Amino acid sequence: DGTVTERSGAWSGRSGPARAGARDGVA
């Protein structure tokens, strides 16, 4: 089922790439 098991992007620091990675991970 393609379950996501890894985090996309780092939350610490809240950098632009990290936030973009987090959004991509949620999507």
mmCIF file of all heavy atoms, coordinates in Angstrom:
data_MODEL
# 
_entry.id   MODEL 
# 
loop_
_atom_site.group_PDB 
_atom_site.id 
_atom_site.type_symbol 
_atom_site.label_atom_id 
_atom_site.label_alt_id 
_atom_site.label_comp_id 
_atom_site.label_asym_id 
_atom_site.label_entity_id 
_atom_site.label_seq_id 
_atom_site.pdbx_PDB_ins_code 
_atom_site.Cartn_x 
_atom_site.Cartn_y 
_atom_site.Cartn_z 
_atom_site.occupancy 
_atom_site.B_iso_or_equiv 
_atom_site.pdbx_formal_charge 
_atom_site.auth_seq_id 
_atom_site.auth_comp_id 
_atom_site.auth_asym_id 
_atom_site.auth_atom_id 
_atom_site.pdbx_PDB_model_num 
ATOM 1   N N   . ASP A 1 1  ? 0.794  -1.212 0.000  1.00 0.00 ? 1  ASP A N   1 
ATOM 2   C CA  . ASP A 1 1  ? 0.000  0.000  0.000  1.00 0.00 ? 1  ASP A CA  1 
ATOM 3   C C   . ASP A 1 1  ? 0.825  1.259  0.000  1.00 0.00 ? 1  ASP A C   1 
ATOM 4   O O   . ASP A 1 1  ? 0.294  2.362  0.039  1.00 0.00 ? 1  ASP A O   1 
ATOM 5   C CB  . ASP A 1 1  ? -0.958 0.023  1.205  1.00 0.00 ? 1  ASP A CB  1 
ATOM 6   C CG  . ASP A 1 1  ? -0.242 0.000  2.541  1.00 0.00 ? 1  ASP A CG  1 
ATOM 7   O OD1 . ASP A 1 1  ? 1.003  -0.036 2.547  1.00 0.00 ? 1  ASP A OD1 1 
ATOM 8   O OD2 . ASP A 1 1  ? -0.922 0.022  3.569  1.00 0.00 ? 1  ASP A OD2 1 
ATOM 9   N N   . GLY A 1 2  ? 2.146  1.129  -0.029 1.00 0.00 ? 2  GLY A N   1 
ATOM 10  C CA  . GLY A 1 2  ? 2.991  2.301  -0.153 1.00 0.00 ? 2  GLY A CA  1 
ATOM 11  C C   . GLY A 1 2  ? 2.996  3.183  1.074  1.00 0.00 ? 2  GLY A C   1 
ATOM 12  O O   . GLY A 1 2  ? 3.101  4.400  0.968  1.00 0.00 ? 2  GLY A O   1 
ATOM 13  N N   . THR A 1 3  ? 2.843  2.599  2.248  1.00 0.00 ? 3  THR A N   1 
ATOM 14  C CA  . THR A 1 3  ? 2.819  3.401  3.458  1.00 0.00 ? 3  THR A CA  1 
ATOM 15  C C   . THR A 1 3  ? 4.139  4.134  3.650  1.00 0.00 ? 3  THR A C   1 
ATOM 16  O O   . THR A 1 3  ? 5.211  3.561  3.511  1.00 0.00 ? 3  THR A O   1 
ATOM 17  C CB  . THR A 1 3  ? 2.541  2.501  4.685  1.00 0.00 ? 3  THR A CB  1 
ATOM 18  O OG1 . THR A 1 3  ? 1.320  1.822  4.470  1.00 0.00 ? 3  THR A OG1 1 
ATOM 19  C CG2 . THR A 1 3  ? 2.476  3.325  5.944  1.00 0.00 ? 3  THR A CG2 1 
ATOM 20  N N   . VAL A 1 4  ? 4.042  5.388  3.979  1.00 0.00 ? 4  VAL A N   1 
ATOM 21  C CA  . VAL A 1 4  ? 5.236  6.191  4.185  1.00 0.00 ? 4  VAL A CA  1 
ATOM 22  C C   . VAL A 1 4  ? 5.794  5.913  5.567  1.00 0.00 ? 4  VAL A C   1 
ATOM 23  O O   . VAL A 1 4  ? 5.081  6.012  6.565  1.00 0.00 ? 4  VAL A O   1 
ATOM 24  C CB  . VAL A 1 4  ? 4.911  7.695  4.039  1.00 0.00 ? 4  VAL A CB  1 
ATOM 25  C CG1 . VAL A 1 4  ? 6.144  8.531  4.352  1.00 0.00 ? 4  VAL A CG1 1 
ATOM 26  C CG2 . VAL A 1 4  ? 4.422  7.990  2.636  1.00 0.00 ? 4  VAL A CG2 1 
ATOM 27  N N   . THR A 1 5  ? 7.040  5.518  5.635  1.00 0.00 ? 5  THR A N   1 
ATOM 28  C CA  . THR A 1 5  ? 7.646  5.195  6.918  1.00 0.00 ? 5  THR A CA  1 
ATOM 29  C C   . THR A 1 5  ? 8.772  6.149  7.276  1.00 0.00 ? 5  THR A C   1 
ATOM 30  O O   . THR A 1 5  ? 9.317  6.061  8.359  1.00 0.00 ? 5  THR A O   1 
ATOM 31  C CB  . THR A 1 5  ? 8.213  3.766  6.886  1.00 0.00 ? 5  THR A CB  1 
ATOM 32  O OG1 . THR A 1 5  ? 9.148  3.650  5.804  1.00 0.00 ? 5  THR A OG1 1 
ATOM 33  C CG2 . THR A 1 5  ? 7.083  2.751  6.672  1.00 0.00 ? 5  THR A CG2 1 
ATOM 34  N N   . GLU A 1 6  ? 9.151  7.017  6.344  1.00 0.00 ? 6  GLU A N   1 
ATOM 35  C CA  . GLU A 1 6  ? 10.217 7.946  6.632  1.00 0.00 ? 6  GLU A CA  1 
ATOM 36  C C   . GLU A 1 6  ? 9.682  9.364  6.598  1.00 0.00 ? 6  GLU A C   1 
ATOM 37  O O   . GLU A 1 6  ? 8.789  9.700  5.835  1.00 0.00 ? 6  GLU A O   1 
ATOM 38  C CB  . GLU A 1 6  ? 11.342 7.801  5.581  1.00 0.00 ? 6  GLU A CB  1 
ATOM 39  C CG  . GLU A 1 6  ? 12.015 6.440  5.619  1.00 0.00 ? 6  GLU A CG  1 
ATOM 40  C CD  . GLU A 1 6  ? 13.126 6.353  4.584  1.00 0.00 ? 6  GLU A CD  1 
ATOM 41  O OE1 . GLU A 1 6  ? 13.345 7.371  3.897  1.00 0.00 ? 6  GLU A OE1 1 
ATOM 42  O OE2 . GLU A 1 6  ? 13.759 5.294  4.473  1.00 0.00 ? 6  GLU A OE2 1 
ATOM 43  N N   . ARG A 1 7  ? 10.285 10.215 7.404  1.00 0.00 ? 7  ARG A N   1 
ATOM 44  C CA  . ARG A 1 7  ? 9.891  11.612 7.420  1.00 0.00 ? 7  ARG A CA  1 
ATOM 45  C C   . ARG A 1 7  ? 10.487 12.322 6.213  1.00 0.00 ? 7  ARG A C   1 
ATOM 46  O O   . ARG A 1 7  ? 11.609 12.072 5.827  1.00 0.00 ? 7  ARG A O   1 
ATOM 47  C CB  . ARG A 1 7  ? 10.366 12.304 8.700  1.00 0.00 ? 7  ARG A CB  1 
ATOM 48  C CG  . ARG A 1 7  ? 9.692  11.766 9.956  1.00 0.00 ? 7  ARG A CG  1 
ATOM 49  C CD  . ARG A 1 7  ? 10.211 12.522 11.164 1.00 0.00 ? 7  ARG A CD  1 
ATOM 50  N NE  . ARG A 1 7  ? 9.588  12.026 12.371 1.00 0.00 ? 7  ARG A NE  1 
ATOM 51  C CZ  . ARG A 1 7  ? 8.447  12.474 12.847 1.00 0.00 ? 7  ARG A CZ  1 
ATOM 52  N NH1 . ARG A 1 7  ? 7.791  13.401 12.201 1.00 0.00 ? 7  ARG A NH1 1 
ATOM 53  N NH2 . ARG A 1 7  ? 7.950  11.977 13.959 1.00 0.00 ? 7  ARG A NH2 1 
ATOM 54  N N   . SER A 1 8  ? 9.697  13.211 5.642  1.00 0.00 ? 8  SER A N   1 
ATOM 55  C CA  . SER A 1 8  ? 10.177 13.999 4.514  1.00 0.00 ? 8  SER A CA  1 
ATOM 56  C C   . SER A 1 8  ? 10.549 15.382 5.037  1.00 0.00 ? 8  SER A C   1 
ATOM 57  O O   . SER A 1 8  ? 9.676  16.160 5.418  1.00 0.00 ? 8  SER A O   1 
ATOM 58  C CB  . SER A 1 8  ? 9.090  14.127 3.442  1.00 0.00 ? 8  SER A CB  1 
ATOM 59  O OG  . SER A 1 8  ? 8.752  12.860 2.941  1.00 0.00 ? 8  SER A OG  1 
ATOM 60  N N   . GLY A 1 9  ? 11.833 15.664 5.051  1.00 0.00 ? 9  GLY A N   1 
ATOM 61  C CA  . GLY A 1 9  ? 12.261 16.967 5.536  1.00 0.00 ? 9  GLY A CA  1 
ATOM 62  C C   . GLY A 1 9  ? 12.443 16.958 7.032  1.00 0.00 ? 9  GLY A C   1 
ATOM 63  O O   . GLY A 1 9  ? 11.830 16.172 7.744  1.00 0.00 ? 9  GLY A O   1 
ATOM 64  N N   . ALA A 1 10 ? 13.280 17.835 7.520  1.00 0.00 ? 10 ALA A N   1 
ATOM 65  C CA  . ALA A 1 10 ? 13.523 17.936 8.955  1.00 0.00 ? 10 ALA A CA  1 
ATOM 66  C C   . ALA A 1 10 ? 12.662 19.037 9.537  1.00 0.00 ? 10 ALA A C   1 
ATOM 67  O O   . ALA A 1 10 ? 12.497 20.096 8.953  1.00 0.00 ? 10 ALA A O   1 
ATOM 68  C CB  . ALA A 1 10 ? 15.000 18.256 9.206  1.00 0.00 ? 10 ALA A CB  1 
ATOM 69  N N   . TRP A 1 11 ? 12.108 18.782 10.725 1.00 0.00 ? 11 TRP A N   1 
ATOM 70  C CA  . TRP A 1 11 ? 11.287 19.791 11.383 1.00 0.00 ? 11 TRP A CA  1 
ATOM 71  C C   . TRP A 1 11 ? 12.120 20.773 12.181 1.00 0.00 ? 11 TRP A C   1 
ATOM 72  O O   . TRP A 1 11 ? 11.694 21.903 12.408 1.00 0.00 ? 11 TRP A O   1 
ATOM 73  C CB  . TRP A 1 11 ? 10.276 19.097 12.304 1.00 0.00 ? 11 TRP A CB  1 
ATOM 74  C CG  . TRP A 1 11 ? 9.179  18.439 11.530 1.00 0.00 ? 11 TRP A CG  1 
ATOM 75  C CD1 . TRP A 1 11 ? 9.113  17.139 11.146 1.00 0.00 ? 11 TRP A CD1 1 
ATOM 76  C CD2 . TRP A 1 11 ? 8.005  19.056 11.018 1.00 0.00 ? 11 TRP A CD2 1 
ATOM 77  N NE1 . TRP A 1 11 ? 7.969  16.899 10.428 1.00 0.00 ? 11 TRP A NE1 1 
ATOM 78  C CE2 . TRP A 1 11 ? 7.266  18.060 10.342 1.00 0.00 ? 11 TRP A CE2 1 
ATOM 79  C CE3 . TRP A 1 11 ? 7.490  20.354 11.067 1.00 0.00 ? 11 TRP A CE3 1 
ATOM 80  C CZ2 . TRP A 1 11 ? 6.061  18.321 9.722  1.00 0.00 ? 11 TRP A CZ2 1 
ATOM 81  C CZ3 . TRP A 1 11 ? 6.280  20.609 10.457 1.00 0.00 ? 11 TRP A CZ3 1 
ATOM 82  C CH2 . TRP A 1 11 ? 5.589  19.618 9.791  1.00 0.00 ? 11 TRP A CH2 1 
ATOM 83  N N   . SER A 1 12 ? 13.237 20.351 12.641 1.00 0.00 ? 12 SER A N   1 
ATOM 84  C CA  . SER A 1 12 ? 14.058 21.259 13.443 1.00 0.00 ? 12 SER A CA  1 
ATOM 85  C C   . SER A 1 12 ? 14.636 22.343 12.556 1.00 0.00 ? 12 SER A C   1 
ATOM 86  O O   . SER A 1 12 ? 15.106 22.102 11.464 1.00 0.00 ? 12 SER A O   1 
ATOM 87  C CB  . SER A 1 12 ? 15.201 20.476 14.103 1.00 0.00 ? 12 SER A CB  1 
ATOM 88  O OG  . SER A 1 12 ? 15.995 19.848 13.125 1.00 0.00 ? 12 SER A OG  1 
ATOM 89  N N   . GLY A 1 13 ? 14.587 23.559 13.032 1.00 0.00 ? 13 GLY A N   1 
ATOM 90  C CA  . GLY A 1 13 ? 15.140 24.680 12.290 1.00 0.00 ? 13 GLY A CA  1 
ATOM 91  C C   . GLY A 1 13 ? 14.111 25.370 11.428 1.00 0.00 ? 13 GLY A C   1 
ATOM 92  O O   . GLY A 1 13 ? 14.228 26.557 11.151 1.00 0.00 ? 13 GLY A O   1 
ATOM 93  N N   . ARG A 1 14 ? 13.065 24.665 10.965 1.00 0.00 ? 14 ARG A N   1 
ATOM 94  C CA  . ARG A 1 14 ? 11.997 25.247 10.168 1.00 0.00 ? 14 ARG A CA  1 
ATOM 95  C C   . ARG A 1 14 ? 12.531 25.991 8.958  1.00 0.00 ? 14 ARG A C   1 
ATOM 96  O O   . ARG A 1 14 ? 12.079 27.089 8.629  1.00 0.00 ? 14 ARG A O   1 
ATOM 97  C CB  . ARG A 1 14 ? 11.158 26.215 11.032 1.00 0.00 ? 14 ARG A CB  1 
ATOM 98  C CG  . ARG A 1 14 ? 10.473 25.544 12.204 1.00 0.00 ? 14 ARG A CG  1 
ATOM 99  C CD  . ARG A 1 14 ? 9.413  24.584 11.736 1.00 0.00 ? 14 ARG A CD  1 
ATOM 100 N NE  . ARG A 1 14 ? 8.732  23.954 12.848 1.00 0.00 ? 14 ARG A NE  1 
ATOM 101 C CZ  . ARG A 1 14 ? 7.745  23.115 12.699 1.00 0.00 ? 14 ARG A CZ  1 
ATOM 102 N NH1 . ARG A 1 14 ? 7.345  22.779 11.506 1.00 0.00 ? 14 ARG A NH1 1 
ATOM 103 N NH2 . ARG A 1 14 ? 7.158  22.570 13.743 1.00 0.00 ? 14 ARG A NH2 1 
ATOM 104 N N   . SER A 1 15 ? 13.514 25.443 8.277  1.00 0.00 ? 15 SER A N   1 
ATOM 105 C CA  . SER A 1 15 ? 14.042 26.087 7.085  1.00 0.00 ? 15 SER A CA  1 
ATOM 106 C C   . SER A 1 15 ? 13.062 25.922 5.939  1.00 0.00 ? 15 SER A C   1 
ATOM 107 O O   . SER A 1 15 ? 12.144 25.106 5.986  1.00 0.00 ? 15 SER A O   1 
ATOM 108 C CB  . SER A 1 15 ? 15.386 25.471 6.704  1.00 0.00 ? 15 SER A CB  1 
ATOM 109 O OG  . SER A 1 15 ? 15.214 24.111 6.366  1.00 0.00 ? 15 SER A OG  1 
ATOM 110 N N   . GLY A 1 16 ? 13.249 26.717 4.862  1.00 0.00 ? 16 GLY A N   1 
ATOM 111 C CA  . GLY A 1 16 ? 12.373 26.635 3.705  1.00 0.00 ? 16 GLY A CA  1 
ATOM 112 C C   . GLY A 1 16 ? 12.345 25.248 3.109  1.00 0.00 ? 16 GLY A C   1 
ATOM 113 O O   . GLY A 1 16 ? 11.271 24.679 2.890  1.00 0.00 ? 16 GLY A O   1 
ATOM 114 N N   . PRO A 1 17 ? 13.497 24.636 2.795  1.00 0.00 ? 17 PRO A N   1 
ATOM 115 C CA  . PRO A 1 17 ? 13.477 23.274 2.254  1.00 0.00 ? 17 PRO A CA  1 
ATOM 116 C C   . PRO A 1 17 ? 12.825 22.269 3.188  1.00 0.00 ? 17 PRO A C   1 
ATOM 117 O O   . PRO A 1 17 ? 12.161 21.334 2.745  1.00 0.00 ? 17 PRO A O   1 
ATOM 118 C CB  . PRO A 1 17 ? 14.957 22.969 2.029  1.00 0.00 ? 17 PRO A CB  1 
ATOM 119 C CG  . PRO A 1 17 ? 15.602 24.306 1.868  1.00 0.00 ? 17 PRO A CG  1 
ATOM 120 C CD  . PRO A 1 17 ? 14.851 25.200 2.793  1.00 0.00 ? 17 PRO A CD  1 
ATOM 121 N N   . ALA A 1 18 ? 13.025 22.455 4.505  1.00 0.00 ? 18 ALA A N   1 
ATOM 122 C CA  . ALA A 1 18 ? 12.422 21.517 5.454  1.00 0.00 ? 18 ALA A CA  1 
ATOM 123 C C   . ALA A 1 18 ? 10.908 21.629 5.430  1.00 0.00 ? 18 ALA A C   1 
ATOM 124 O O   . ALA A 1 18 ? 10.199 20.617 5.462  1.00 0.00 ? 18 ALA A O   1 
ATOM 125 C CB  . ALA A 1 18 ? 12.949 21.781 6.863  1.00 0.00 ? 18 ALA A CB  1 
ATOM 126 N N   . ARG A 1 19 ? 10.398 22.863 5.396  1.00 0.00 ? 19 ARG A N   1 
ATOM 127 C CA  . ARG A 1 19 ? 8.948  23.041 5.339  1.00 0.00 ? 19 ARG A CA  1 
ATOM 128 C C   . ARG A 1 19 ? 8.384  22.489 4.040  1.00 0.00 ? 19 ARG A C   1 
ATOM 129 O O   . ARG A 1 19 ? 7.320  21.859 4.023  1.00 0.00 ? 19 ARG A O   1 
ATOM 130 C CB  . ARG A 1 19 ? 8.587  24.521 5.483  1.00 0.00 ? 19 ARG A CB  1 
ATOM 131 C CG  . ARG A 1 19 ? 8.791  25.064 6.890  1.00 0.00 ? 19 ARG A CG  1 
ATOM 132 C CD  . ARG A 1 19 ? 8.065  26.389 7.069  1.00 0.00 ? 19 ARG A CD  1 
ATOM 133 N NE  . ARG A 1 19 ? 8.607  27.396 6.157  1.00 0.00 ? 19 ARG A NE  1 
ATOM 134 C CZ  . ARG A 1 19 ? 9.610  28.221 6.455  1.00 0.00 ? 19 ARG A CZ  1 
ATOM 135 N NH1 . ARG A 1 19 ? 10.199 28.130 7.647  1.00 0.00 ? 19 ARG A NH1 1 
ATOM 136 N NH2 . ARG A 1 19 ? 10.033 29.115 5.584  1.00 0.00 ? 19 ARG A NH2 1 
ATOM 137 N N   . ALA A 1 20 ? 9.091  22.702 2.929  1.00 0.00 ? 20 ALA A N   1 
ATOM 138 C CA  . ALA A 1 20 ? 8.631  22.164 1.647  1.00 0.00 ? 20 ALA A CA  1 
ATOM 139 C C   . ALA A 1 20 ? 8.631  20.639 1.678  1.00 0.00 ? 20 ALA A C   1 
ATOM 140 O O   . ALA A 1 20 ? 7.705  19.997 1.180  1.00 0.00 ? 20 ALA A O   1 
ATOM 141 C CB  . ALA A 1 20 ? 9.531  22.671 0.525  1.00 0.00 ? 20 ALA A CB  1 
ATOM 142 N N   . GLY A 1 21 ? 9.682  20.059 2.277  1.00 0.00 ? 21 GLY A N   1 
ATOM 143 C CA  . GLY A 1 21 ? 9.734  18.609 2.384  1.00 0.00 ? 21 GLY A CA  1 
ATOM 144 C C   . GLY A 1 21 ? 8.615  18.072 3.251  1.00 0.00 ? 21 GLY A C   1 
ATOM 145 O O   . GLY A 1 21 ? 8.049  17.021 2.971  1.00 0.00 ? 21 GLY A O   1 
ATOM 146 N N   . ALA A 1 22 ? 8.293  18.793 4.347  1.00 0.00 ? 22 ALA A N   1 
ATOM 147 C CA  . ALA A 1 22 ? 7.206  18.364 5.221  1.00 0.00 ? 22 ALA A CA  1 
ATOM 148 C C   . ALA A 1 22 ? 5.875  18.406 4.487  1.00 0.00 ? 22 ALA A C   1 
ATOM 149 O O   . ALA A 1 22 ? 5.053  17.499 4.611  1.00 0.00 ? 22 ALA A O   1 
ATOM 150 C CB  . ALA A 1 22 ? 7.153  19.241 6.463  1.00 0.00 ? 22 ALA A CB  1 
ATOM 151 N N   . ARG A 1 23 ? 5.661  19.481 3.692  1.00 0.00 ? 23 ARG A N   1 
ATOM 152 C CA  . ARG A 1 23 ? 4.417  19.564 2.931  1.00 0.00 ? 23 ARG A CA  1 
ATOM 153 C C   . ARG A 1 23 ? 4.325  18.444 1.905  1.00 0.00 ? 23 ARG A C   1 
ATOM 154 O O   . ARG A 1 23 ? 3.270  17.848 1.709  1.00 0.00 ? 23 ARG A O   1 
ATOM 155 C CB  . ARG A 1 23 ? 4.324  20.934 2.243  1.00 0.00 ? 23 ARG A CB  1 
ATOM 156 C CG  . ARG A 1 23 ? 4.024  22.090 3.189  1.00 0.00 ? 23 ARG A CG  1 
ATOM 157 C CD  . ARG A 1 23 ? 3.602  23.319 2.417  1.00 0.00 ? 23 ARG A CD  1 
ATOM 158 N NE  . ARG A 1 23 ? 4.683  23.807 1.552  1.00 0.00 ? 23 ARG A NE  1 
ATOM 159 C CZ  . ARG A 1 23 ? 5.601  24.687 1.929  1.00 0.00 ? 23 ARG A CZ  1 
ATOM 160 N NH1 . ARG A 1 23 ? 5.569  25.191 3.168  1.00 0.00 ? 23 ARG A NH1 1 
ATOM 161 N NH2 . ARG A 1 23 ? 6.535  25.091 1.098  1.00 0.00 ? 23 ARG A NH2 1 
ATOM 162 N N   . ASP A 1 24 ? 5.450  18.171 1.243  1.00 0.00 ? 24 ASP A N   1 
ATOM 163 C CA  . ASP A 1 24 ? 5.458  17.074 0.278  1.00 0.00 ? 24 ASP A CA  1 
ATOM 164 C C   . ASP A 1 24 ? 5.175  15.741 0.963  1.00 0.00 ? 24 ASP A C   1 
ATOM 165 O O   . ASP A 1 24 ? 4.477  14.878 0.416  1.00 0.00 ? 24 ASP A O   1 
ATOM 166 C CB  . ASP A 1 24 ? 6.813  17.006 -0.435 1.00 0.00 ? 24 ASP A CB  1 
ATOM 167 C CG  . ASP A 1 24 ? 7.026  18.184 -1.372 1.00 0.00 ? 24 ASP A CG  1 
ATOM 168 O OD1 . ASP A 1 24 ? 6.018  18.840 -1.714 1.00 0.00 ? 24 ASP A OD1 1 
ATOM 169 O OD2 . ASP A 1 24 ? 8.184  18.459 -1.740 1.00 0.00 ? 24 ASP A OD2 1 
ATOM 170 N N   . GLY A 1 25 ? 5.734  15.579 2.183  1.00 0.00 ? 25 GLY A N   1 
ATOM 171 C CA  . GLY A 1 25 ? 5.496  14.339 2.915  1.00 0.00 ? 25 GLY A CA  1 
ATOM 172 C C   . GLY A 1 25 ? 4.036  14.178 3.287  1.00 0.00 ? 25 GLY A C   1 
ATOM 173 O O   . GLY A 1 25 ? 3.475  13.084 3.170  1.00 0.00 ? 25 GLY A O   1 
ATOM 174 N N   . VAL A 1 26 ? 3.379  15.252 3.722  1.00 0.00 ? 26 VAL A N   1 
ATOM 175 C CA  . VAL A 1 26 ? 1.957  15.188 4.068  1.00 0.00 ? 26 VAL A CA  1 
ATOM 176 C C   . VAL A 1 26 ? 1.129  14.882 2.829  1.00 0.00 ? 26 VAL A C   1 
ATOM 177 O O   . VAL A 1 26 ? 0.221  14.042 2.855  1.00 0.00 ? 26 VAL A O   1 
ATOM 178 C CB  . VAL A 1 26 ? 1.507  16.511 4.715  1.00 0.00 ? 26 VAL A CB  1 
ATOM 179 C CG1 . VAL A 1 26 ? -0.014 16.537 4.880  1.00 0.00 ? 26 VAL A CG1 1 
ATOM 180 C CG2 . VAL A 1 26 ? 2.181  16.703 6.070  1.00 0.00 ? 26 VAL A CG2 1 
ATOM 181 N N   . ALA A 1 27 ? 1.446  15.571 1.720  1.00 0.00 ? 27 ALA A N   1 
ATOM 182 C CA  . ALA A 1 27 ? 0.706  15.321 0.484  1.00 0.00 ? 27 ALA A CA  1 
ATOM 183 C C   . ALA A 1 27 ? 0.881  13.877 0.025  1.00 0.00 ? 27 ALA A C   1 
ATOM 184 O O   . ALA A 1 27 ? -0.070 13.241 -0.449 1.00 0.00 ? 27 ALA A O   1 
ATOM 185 C CB  . ALA A 1 27 ? 1.173  16.283 -0.603 1.00 0.00 ? 27 ALA A CB  1 
# 
